[in-house]
Amino acid sequence: MPEIHLGPVTLKLIVGFFLLFVIVRFAGRKIIKQITPFTFIASIVFGELLGNALYEPKVGLSYIVYSICLWGVLLVIIEYLGQKSLFFRGIFEGKPSALIKNGVLDLQALKKNRMNINQLQSLLRQSETFSIREVAFCYLEADGSLSILKKSKYQKTTGEDLNLPDKPVYVPVTIIRDGKVLWDEIKDLGFDESWLRAQLEPYHITDYKNVLIAEWQEGDGIYVQTYDKDASGSS
């Protein structure tokens, strides 16, 4: 096992720490707060540059200083270009992508961003939105977060604001996703195929494969969107 000399390692750690601190402060807090594809790569490279150099005796302090400073200069240049030019900003930071527009799920936008409906539903739930039917517009931001504008009737109001009595709360259940019926979910609800066909009949849907997503919520009925979007809606 090679002997580790604490003196050089300590010096490299101290210098590397302060160099990274100065670069982050100079480049701006966005590198921490907003993770774009470029800042994600930059953070990995910074870690690799310092980590690999710490315990490699052949790598001197000058290597660490040069490598981190050069990468830091590149980072500052990219941030500067992004501030001054919309063209470079779009390349290095990316642009928001509309996944839901006017209450309609954009399947092509999902595919373009390499997302599926399960992942979208998970992100919506993390944003306190438990059903696609609640969403008027949904944007996937460059850092991977969702920005959601709910339909007016689903925007937050409290019972105290309206002096209304408490009502039971029901979680929406997905019963068809990507053209496949989730029979286990339907059975858990206490329904069967004849019930499902009756729910889809007002939308003139006879083939389940035509349904992109269908949700059921007690008290609010069924929400359906087809691949061609012609039969979307809720009842």
Foldseek 3Di string as FASTA:
>chain_A
DDDFDVVQLVVLVVVLVVLVVVLCVVLDVCLPVFPFVQSVVLVVVSCCLSVVQNRDVVRHSVSSVVVSVVSSVVSSVLSVCLVVDVVSVCVGQNAKFKQAAQLAGDVVSCVVVVHFPVVVQVLCVVVVHQDSNQFNIWIQGRRRHIDTDGDPVPPDDDCVVVVHDDDDDWGKDWQAAQLDGPQVRCVVVVHDPVVVCVLCVVLVDDRSNQWHTKIQTPPFAMFTAGPVRPSGDGD
